[in-house]
Amino acid sequence: IFQIKVTDFKTIIESDSTLMTILFADLCKR
């Protein structure tokens, strides 16, 4: 496992639209 700080995760999803789309789709299923 790799740890990601919440503040850094916000930066990731704001800058990576592909990852954000995948995570939102997974979140809805979850």
PDB file of all heavy atoms in Angstrom:
ATOM      1  N   ILE A   1       0.841  -1.202   0.000  1.00  0.00           N
ATOM      2  CA  ILE A   1       0.000   0.000   0.000  1.00  0.00           C
ATOM      3  C   ILE A   1       0.875   1.251   0.000  1.00  0.00           C
ATOM      4  O   ILE A   1       1.900   1.305   0.673  1.00  0.00           O
ATOM      5  CB  ILE A   1      -0.909   0.007   1.250  1.00  0.00           C
ATOM      6  CG1 ILE A   1      -1.892  -1.155   1.189  1.00  0.00           C
ATOM      7  CG2 ILE A   1      -1.670   1.324   1.380  1.00  0.00           C
ATOM      8  CD1 ILE A   1      -2.701  -1.323   2.442  1.00  0.00           C
ATOM      9  N   PHE A   2       0.415   2.250  -0.762  1.00  0.00           N
ATOM     10  CA  PHE A   2       1.081   3.544  -0.778  1.00  0.00           C
ATOM     11  C   PHE A   2       0.124   4.588  -0.203  1.00  0.00           C
ATOM     12  O   PHE A   2      -1.020   4.689  -0.627  1.00  0.00           O
ATOM     13  CB  PHE A   2       1.493   3.929  -2.202  1.00  0.00           C
ATOM     14  CG  PHE A   2       2.499   2.990  -2.807  1.00  0.00           C
ATOM     15  CD1 PHE A   2       2.084   1.890  -3.549  1.00  0.00           C
ATOM     16  CD2 PHE A   2       3.860   3.192  -2.625  1.00  0.00           C
ATOM     17  CE1 PHE A   2       3.007   1.016  -4.096  1.00  0.00           C
ATOM     18  CE2 PHE A   2       4.790   2.325  -3.175  1.00  0.00           C
ATOM     19  CZ  PHE A   2       4.363   1.228  -3.909  1.00  0.00           C
ATOM     20  N   GLN A   3       0.613   5.353   0.747  1.00  0.00           N
ATOM     21  CA  GLN A   3      -0.200   6.361   1.422  1.00  0.00           C
ATOM     22  C   GLN A   3      -0.249   7.650   0.607  1.00  0.00           C
ATOM     23  O   GLN A   3       0.752   8.078   0.043  1.00  0.00           O
ATOM     24  CB  GLN A   3       0.415   6.630   2.795  1.00  0.00           C
ATOM     25  CG  GLN A   3      -0.329   7.596   3.671  1.00  0.00           C
ATOM     26  CD  GLN A   3       0.307   7.647   5.041  1.00  0.00           C
ATOM     27  OE1 GLN A   3       0.221   6.702   5.820  1.00  0.00           O
ATOM     28  NE2 GLN A   3       0.977   8.753   5.339  1.00  0.00           N
ATOM     29  N   ILE A   4      -1.457   8.257   0.542  1.00  0.00           N
ATOM     30  CA  ILE A   4      -1.629   9.536  -0.160  1.00  0.00           C
ATOM     31  C   ILE A   4      -2.337  10.501   0.787  1.00  0.00           C
ATOM     32  O   ILE A   4      -3.448  10.211   1.249  1.00  0.00           O
ATOM     33  CB  ILE A   4      -2.480   9.369  -1.441  1.00  0.00           C
ATOM     34  CG1 ILE A   4      -1.959   8.240  -2.319  1.00  0.00           C
ATOM     35  CG2 ILE A   4      -2.520  10.689  -2.217  1.00  0.00           C
ATOM     36  CD1 ILE A   4      -2.888   7.864  -3.454  1.00  0.00           C
ATOM     37  N   LYS A   5      -1.736  11.623   1.078  1.00  0.00           N
ATOM     38  CA  LYS A   5      -2.372  12.607   1.941  1.00  0.00           C
ATOM     39  C   LYS A   5      -3.617  13.176   1.261  1.00  0.00           C
ATOM     40  O   LYS A   5      -3.652  13.318   0.031  1.00  0.00           O
ATOM     41  CB  LYS A   5      -1.392  13.734   2.275  1.00  0.00           C
ATOM     42  CG  LYS A   5      -0.211  13.282   3.125  1.00  0.00           C
ATOM     43  CD  LYS A   5       0.742  14.428   3.400  1.00  0.00           C
ATOM     44  CE  LYS A   5       1.926  13.958   4.251  1.00  0.00           C
ATOM     45  NZ  LYS A   5       2.902  15.046   4.480  1.00  0.00           N
ATOM     46  N   VAL A   6      -4.641  13.502   2.052  1.00  0.00           N
ATOM     47  CA  VAL A   6      -5.900  14.018   1.509  1.00  0.00           C
ATOM     48  C   VAL A   6      -5.661  15.255   0.650  1.00  0.00           C
ATOM     49  O   VAL A   6      -6.244  15.395  -0.436  1.00  0.00           O
ATOM     50  CB  VAL A   6      -6.893  14.332   2.650  1.00  0.00           C
ATOM     51  CG1 VAL A   6      -8.047  15.185   2.151  1.00  0.00           C
ATOM     52  CG2 VAL A   6      -7.437  13.038   3.248  1.00  0.00           C
ATOM     53  N   THR A   7      -4.804  16.139   1.104  1.00  0.00           N
ATOM     54  CA  THR A   7      -4.531  17.358   0.336  1.00  0.00           C
ATOM     55  C   THR A   7      -3.903  17.040  -1.022  1.00  0.00           C
ATOM     56  O   THR A   7      -4.229  17.674  -2.038  1.00  0.00           O
ATOM     57  CB  THR A   7      -3.584  18.288   1.128  1.00  0.00           C
ATOM     58  OG1 THR A   7      -2.444  17.523   1.581  1.00  0.00           O
ATOM     59  CG2 THR A   7      -4.290  18.879   2.338  1.00  0.00           C
ATOM     60  N   ASP A   8      -3.027  16.034  -1.044  1.00  0.00           N
ATOM     61  CA  ASP A   8      -2.415  15.626  -2.314  1.00  0.00           C
ATOM     62  C   ASP A   8      -3.423  14.931  -3.210  1.00  0.00           C
ATOM     63  O   ASP A   8      -3.378  15.072  -4.441  1.00  0.00           O
ATOM     64  CB  ASP A   8      -1.223  14.699  -2.049  1.00  0.00           C
ATOM     65  CG  ASP A   8      -0.031  15.426  -1.451  1.00  0.00           C
ATOM     66  OD1 ASP A   8       0.082  16.638  -1.687  1.00  0.00           O
ATOM     67  OD2 ASP A   8       0.769  14.781  -0.747  1.00  0.00           O
ATOM     68  N   PHE A   9      -4.341  14.173  -2.602  1.00  0.00           N
ATOM     69  CA  PHE A   9      -5.358  13.479  -3.398  1.00  0.00           C
ATOM     70  C   PHE A   9      -6.258  14.500  -4.101  1.00  0.00           C
ATOM     71  O   PHE A   9      -6.654  14.294  -5.257  1.00  0.00           O
ATOM     72  CB  PHE A   9      -6.195  12.557  -2.512  1.00  0.00           C
ATOM     73  CG  PHE A   9      -7.172  11.710  -3.274  1.00  0.00           C
ATOM     74  CD1 PHE A   9      -6.734  10.639  -4.044  1.00  0.00           C
ATOM     75  CD2 PHE A   9      -8.529  11.994  -3.244  1.00  0.00           C
ATOM     76  CE1 PHE A   9      -7.632   9.856  -4.758  1.00  0.00           C
ATOM     77  CE2 PHE A   9      -9.431  11.217  -3.954  1.00  0.00           C
ATOM     78  CZ  PHE A   9      -8.984  10.143  -4.711  1.00  0.00           C
ATOM     79  N   LYS A  10      -6.576  15.602  -3.427  1.00  0.00           N
ATOM     80  CA  LYS A  10      -7.373  16.672  -4.053  1.00  0.00           C
ATOM     81  C   LYS A  10      -6.658  17.210  -5.284  1.00  0.00           C
ATOM     82  O   LYS A  10      -7.266  17.439  -6.334  1.00  0.00           O
ATOM     83  CB  LYS A  10      -7.615  17.804  -3.053  1.00  0.00           C
ATOM     84  CG  LYS A  10      -8.599  17.463  -1.948  1.00  0.00           C
ATOM     85  CD  LYS A  10      -8.755  18.638  -0.980  1.00  0.00           C
ATOM     86  CE  LYS A  10      -9.727  18.295   0.138  1.00  0.00           C
ATOM     87  NZ  LYS A  10      -9.850  19.409   1.129  1.00  0.00           N
ATOM     88  N   THR A  11      -5.356  17.387  -5.155  1.00  0.00           N
ATOM     89  CA  THR A  11      -4.554  17.875  -6.282  1.00  0.00           C
ATOM     90  C   THR A  11      -4.584  16.890  -7.442  1.00  0.00           C
ATOM     91  O   THR A  11      -4.719  17.276  -8.607  1.00  0.00           O
ATOM     92  CB  THR A  11      -3.086  18.106  -5.846  1.00  0.00           C
ATOM     93  OG1 THR A  11      -3.065  19.028  -4.760  1.00  0.00           O
ATOM     94  CG2 THR A  11      -2.250  18.629  -6.995  1.00  0.00           C
ATOM     95  N   ILE A  12      -4.493  15.590  -7.119  1.00  0.00           N
ATOM     96  CA  ILE A  12      -4.481  14.547  -8.152  1.00  0.00           C
ATOM     97  C   ILE A  12      -5.767  14.576  -8.963  1.00  0.00           C
ATOM     98  O   ILE A  12      -5.746  14.597 -10.195  1.00  0.00           O
ATOM     99  CB  ILE A  12      -4.284  13.157  -7.524  1.00  0.00           C
ATOM    100  CG1 ILE A  12      -2.877  13.015  -6.943  1.00  0.00           C
ATOM    101  CG2 ILE A  12      -4.526  12.061  -8.561  1.00  0.00           C
ATOM    102  CD1 ILE A  12      -2.669  11.744  -6.142  1.00  0.00           C
ATOM    103  N   ILE A  13      -6.917  14.553  -8.295  1.00  0.00           N
ATOM    104  CA  ILE A  13      -8.183  14.461  -9.037  1.00  0.00           C
ATOM    105  C   ILE A  13      -8.516  15.760  -9.764  1.00  0.00           C
ATOM    106  O   ILE A  13      -9.235  15.755 -10.765  1.00  0.00           O
ATOM    107  CB  ILE A  13      -9.365  14.048  -8.128  1.00  0.00           C
ATOM    108  CG1 ILE A  13      -9.568  15.059  -6.990  1.00  0.00           C
ATOM    109  CG2 ILE A  13      -9.156  12.643  -7.589  1.00  0.00           C
ATOM    110  CD1 ILE A  13     -10.802  14.737  -6.153  1.00  0.00           C
ATOM    111  N   GLU A  14      -7.971  16.885  -9.286  1.00  0.00           N
ATOM    112  CA  GLU A  14      -8.189  18.152  -9.985  1.00  0.00           C
ATOM    113  C   GLU A  14      -7.354  18.251 -11.252  1.00  0.00           C
ATOM    114  O   GLU A  14      -7.736  18.939 -12.205  1.00  0.00           O
ATOM    115  CB  GLU A  14      -7.848  19.328  -9.049  1.00  0.00           C
ATOM    116  CG  GLU A  14      -8.904  19.547  -7.963  1.00  0.00           C
ATOM    117  CD  GLU A  14      -8.448  20.564  -6.920  1.00  0.00           C
ATOM    118  OE1 GLU A  14      -7.307  21.075  -7.056  1.00  0.00           O
ATOM    119  OE2 GLU A  14      -9.209  20.825  -5.972  1.00  0.00           O
ATOM    120  N   SER A  15      -6.230  17.539 -11.276  1.00  0.00           N
ATOM    121  CA  SER A  15      -5.319  17.633 -12.421  1.00  0.00           C
ATOM    122  C   SER A  15      -5.404  16.440 -13.371  1.00  0.00           C
ATOM    123  O   SER A  15      -4.876  16.498 -14.479  1.00  0.00           O
ATOM    124  CB  SER A  15      -3.876  17.782 -11.927  1.00  0.00           C
ATOM    125  OG  SER A  15      -3.495  16.653 -11.149  1.00  0.00           O
ATOM    126  N   ASP A  16      -6.054  15.358 -12.937  1.00  0.00           N
ATOM    127  CA  ASP A  16      -6.124  14.139 -13.756  1.00  0.00           C
ATOM    128  C   ASP A  16      -7.585  13.761 -13.971  1.00  0.00           C
ATOM    129  O   ASP A  16      -8.192  13.052 -13.174  1.00  0.00           O
ATOM    130  CB  ASP A  16      -5.369  12.999 -13.049  1.00  0.00           C
ATOM    131  CG  ASP A  16      -5.138  11.796 -13.952  1.00  0.00           C
ATOM    132  OD1 ASP A  16      -5.965  11.570 -14.855  1.00  0.00           O
ATOM    133  OD2 ASP A  16      -4.145  11.074 -13.741  1.00  0.00           O
ATOM    134  N   SER A  17      -8.169  14.236 -15.070  1.00  0.00           N
ATOM    135  CA  SER A  17      -9.594  14.025 -15.329  1.00  0.00           C
ATOM    136  C   SER A  17      -9.926  12.554 -15.582  1.00  0.00           C
ATOM    137  O   SER A  17     -11.009  12.078 -15.225  1.00  0.00           O
ATOM    138  CB  SER A  17     -10.053  14.862 -16.530  1.00  0.00           C
ATOM    139  OG  SER A  17      -9.306  14.529 -17.688  1.00  0.00           O
ATOM    140  N   THR A  18      -8.992  11.812 -16.184  1.00  0.00           N
ATOM    141  CA  THR A  18      -9.241  10.388 -16.447  1.00  0.00           C
ATOM    142  C   THR A  18      -9.363   9.619 -15.140  1.00  0.00           C
ATOM    143  O   THR A  18     -10.291   8.827 -14.951  1.00  0.00           O
ATOM    144  CB  THR A  18      -8.094   9.781 -17.283  1.00  0.00           C
ATOM    145  OG1 THR A  18      -7.970  10.504 -18.503  1.00  0.00           O
ATOM    146  CG2 THR A  18      -8.370   8.312 -17.584  1.00  0.00           C
ATOM    147  N   LEU A  19      -8.443   9.881 -14.227  1.00  0.00           N
ATOM    148  CA  LEU A  19      -8.483   9.207 -12.932  1.00  0.00           C
ATOM    149  C   LEU A  19      -9.741   9.607 -12.161  1.00  0.00           C
ATOM    150  O   LEU A  19     -10.389   8.768 -11.534  1.00  0.00           O
ATOM    151  CB  LEU A  19      -7.237   9.552 -12.118  1.00  0.00           C
ATOM    152  CG  LEU A  19      -7.140   8.931 -10.719  1.00  0.00           C
ATOM    153  CD1 LEU A  19      -7.206   7.412 -10.793  1.00  0.00           C
ATOM    154  CD2 LEU A  19      -5.862   9.363 -10.023  1.00  0.00           C
ATOM    155  N   MET A  20     -10.111  10.880 -12.209  1.00  0.00           N
ATOM    156  CA  MET A  20     -11.296  11.343 -11.505  1.00  0.00           C
ATOM    157  C   MET A  20     -12.548  10.637 -12.034  1.00  0.00           C
ATOM    158  O   MET A  20     -13.413  10.223 -11.262  1.00  0.00           O
ATOM    159  CB  MET A  20     -11.458  12.857 -11.642  1.00  0.00           C
ATOM    160  CG  MET A  20     -12.645  13.409 -10.863  1.00  0.00           C
ATOM    161  SD  MET A  20     -12.727  15.218 -10.885  1.00  0.00           S
ATOM    162  CE  MET A  20     -13.139  15.498 -12.616  1.00  0.00           C
ATOM    163  N   THR A  21     -12.651  10.463 -13.346  1.00  0.00           N
ATOM    164  CA  THR A  21     -13.801   9.788 -13.954  1.00  0.00           C
ATOM    165  C   THR A  21     -13.898   8.339 -13.487  1.00  0.00           C
ATOM    166  O   THR A  21     -14.973   7.848 -13.131  1.00  0.00           O
ATOM    167  CB  THR A  21     -13.695   9.824 -15.493  1.00  0.00           C
ATOM    168  OG1 THR A  21     -13.656  11.186 -15.922  1.00  0.00           O
ATOM    169  CG2 THR A  21     -14.881   9.120 -16.139  1.00  0.00           C
ATOM    170  N   ILE A  22     -12.752   7.660 -13.465  1.00  0.00           N
ATOM    171  CA  ILE A  22     -12.727   6.268 -13.024  1.00  0.00           C
ATOM    172  C   ILE A  22     -13.121   6.151 -11.555  1.00  0.00           C
ATOM    173  O   ILE A  22     -13.915   5.290 -11.165  1.00  0.00           O
ATOM    174  CB  ILE A  22     -11.324   5.660 -13.249  1.00  0.00           C
ATOM    175  CG1 ILE A  22     -11.064   5.487 -14.746  1.00  0.00           C
ATOM    176  CG2 ILE A  22     -11.179   4.312 -12.534  1.00  0.00           C
ATOM    177  CD1 ILE A  22      -9.653   5.088 -15.077  1.00  0.00           C
ATOM    178  N   LEU A  23     -12.581   7.051 -10.729  1.00  0.00           N
ATOM    179  CA  LEU A  23     -12.880   7.003  -9.297  1.00  0.00           C
ATOM    180  C   LEU A  23     -14.344   7.301  -9.014  1.00  0.00           C
ATOM    181  O   LEU A  23     -14.951   6.667  -8.149  1.00  0.00           O
ATOM    182  CB  LEU A  23     -11.984   7.990  -8.545  1.00  0.00           C
ATOM    183  CG  LEU A  23     -10.501   7.625  -8.471  1.00  0.00           C
ATOM    184  CD1 LEU A  23      -9.713   8.735  -7.791  1.00  0.00           C
ATOM    185  CD2 LEU A  23     -10.297   6.310  -7.726  1.00  0.00           C
ATOM    186  N   PHE A  24     -14.936   8.249  -9.742  1.00  0.00           N
ATOM    187  CA  PHE A  24     -16.352   8.552  -9.552  1.00  0.00           C
ATOM    188  C   PHE A  24     -17.224   7.363  -9.952  1.00  0.00           C
ATOM    189  O   PHE A  24     -18.212   7.047  -9.279  1.00  0.00           O
ATOM    190  CB  PHE A  24     -16.757   9.792 -10.350  1.00  0.00           C
ATOM    191  CG  PHE A  24     -16.646  11.068  -9.575  1.00  0.00           C
ATOM    192  CD1 PHE A  24     -15.797  12.081  -9.991  1.00  0.00           C
ATOM    193  CD2 PHE A  24     -17.385  11.271  -8.412  1.00  0.00           C
ATOM    194  CE1 PHE A  24     -15.679  13.261  -9.275  1.00  0.00           C
ATOM    195  CE2 PHE A  24     -17.275  12.438  -7.684  1.00  0.00           C
ATOM    196  CZ  PHE A  24     -16.425  13.445  -8.117  1.00  0.00           C
ATOM    197  N   ALA A  25     -16.872   6.705 -11.066  1.00  0.00           N
ATOM    198  CA  ALA A  25     -17.626   5.531 -11.508  1.00  0.00           C
ATOM    199  C   ALA A  25     -17.542   4.415 -10.474  1.00  0.00           C
ATOM    200  O   ALA A  25     -18.547   3.779 -10.130  1.00  0.00           O
ATOM    201  CB  ALA A  25     -17.108   5.052 -12.864  1.00  0.00           C
ATOM    202  N   ASP A  26     -16.323   4.190  -9.941  1.00  0.00           N
ATOM    203  CA  ASP A  26     -16.131   3.166  -8.909  1.00  0.00           C
ATOM    204  C   ASP A  26     -16.890   3.526  -7.635  1.00  0.00           C
ATOM    205  O   ASP A  26     -17.466   2.661  -6.972  1.00  0.00           O
ATOM    206  CB  ASP A  26     -14.641   3.007  -8.578  1.00  0.00           C
ATOM    207  CG  ASP A  26     -13.866   2.296  -9.678  1.00  0.00           C
ATOM    208  OD1 ASP A  26     -14.516   1.695 -10.556  1.00  0.00           O
ATOM    209  OD2 ASP A  26     -12.626   2.340  -9.652  1.00  0.00           O
ATOM    210  N   LEU A  27     -16.899   4.811  -7.301  1.00  0.00           N
ATOM    211  CA  LEU A  27     -17.579   5.266  -6.089  1.00  0.00           C
ATOM    212  C   LEU A  27     -19.079   5.009  -6.172  1.00  0.00           C
ATOM    213  O   LEU A  27     -19.696   4.546  -5.208  1.00  0.00           O
ATOM    214  CB  LEU A  27     -17.317   6.761  -5.876  1.00  0.00           C
ATOM    215  CG  LEU A  27     -17.959   7.408  -4.645  1.00  0.00           C
ATOM    216  CD1 LEU A  27     -17.425   6.764  -3.368  1.00  0.00           C
ATOM    217  CD2 LEU A  27     -17.688   8.906  -4.629  1.00  0.00           C
ATOM    218  N   CYS A  28     -19.678   5.286  -7.329  1.00  0.00           N
ATOM    219  CA  CYS A  28     -21.117   5.048  -7.515  1.00  0.00           C
ATOM    220  C   CYS A  28     -21.451   3.566  -7.360  1.00  0.00           C
ATOM    221  O   CYS A  28     -22.428   3.199  -6.697  1.00  0.00           O
ATOM    222  CB  CYS A  28     -21.562   5.539  -8.893  1.00  0.00           C
ATOM    223  SG  CYS A  28     -21.531   7.333  -9.065  1.00  0.00           S
ATOM    224  N   LYS A  29     -20.627   2.697  -7.955  1.00  0.00           N
ATOM    225  CA  LYS A  29     -20.842   1.255  -7.835  1.00  0.00           C
ATOM    226  C   LYS A  29     -20.699   0.813  -6.380  1.00  0.00           C
ATOM    227  O   LYS A  29     -21.453  -0.017  -5.883  1.00  0.00           O
ATOM    228  CB  LYS A  29     -19.831   0.494  -8.704  1.00  0.00           C
ATOM    229  CG  LYS A  29     -20.028   0.676 -10.194  1.00  0.00           C
ATOM    230  CD  LYS A  29     -18.925  -0.038 -10.964  1.00  0.00           C
ATOM    231  CE  LYS A  29     -19.031   0.237 -12.457  1.00  0.00           C
ATOM    232  NZ  LYS A  29     -17.893  -0.390 -13.194  1.00  0.00           N
ATOM    233  N   ARG A  30     -19.721   1.400  -5.693  1.00  0.00           N
ATOM    234  CA  ARG A  30     -19.434   1.025  -4.316  1.00  0.00           C
ATOM    235  C   ARG A  30     -20.590   1.406  -3.393  1.00  0.00           C
ATOM    236  O   ARG A  30     -20.996   0.627  -2.524  1.00  0.00           O
ATOM    237  CB  ARG A  30     -18.149   1.727  -3.881  1.00  0.00           C
ATOM    238  CG  ARG A  30     -17.455   1.101  -2.703  1.00  0.00           C
ATOM    239  CD  ARG A  30     -16.082   1.714  -2.543  1.00  0.00           C
ATOM    240  NE  ARG A  30     -15.241   1.470  -3.705  1.00  0.00           N
ATOM    241  CZ  ARG A  30     -14.114   2.102  -3.942  1.00  0.00           C
ATOM    242  NH1 ARG A  30     -13.705   3.046  -3.124  1.00  0.00           N
ATOM    243  NH2 ARG A  30     -13.397   1.805  -5.009  1.00  0.00           N
TER     244      ARG A  30
END
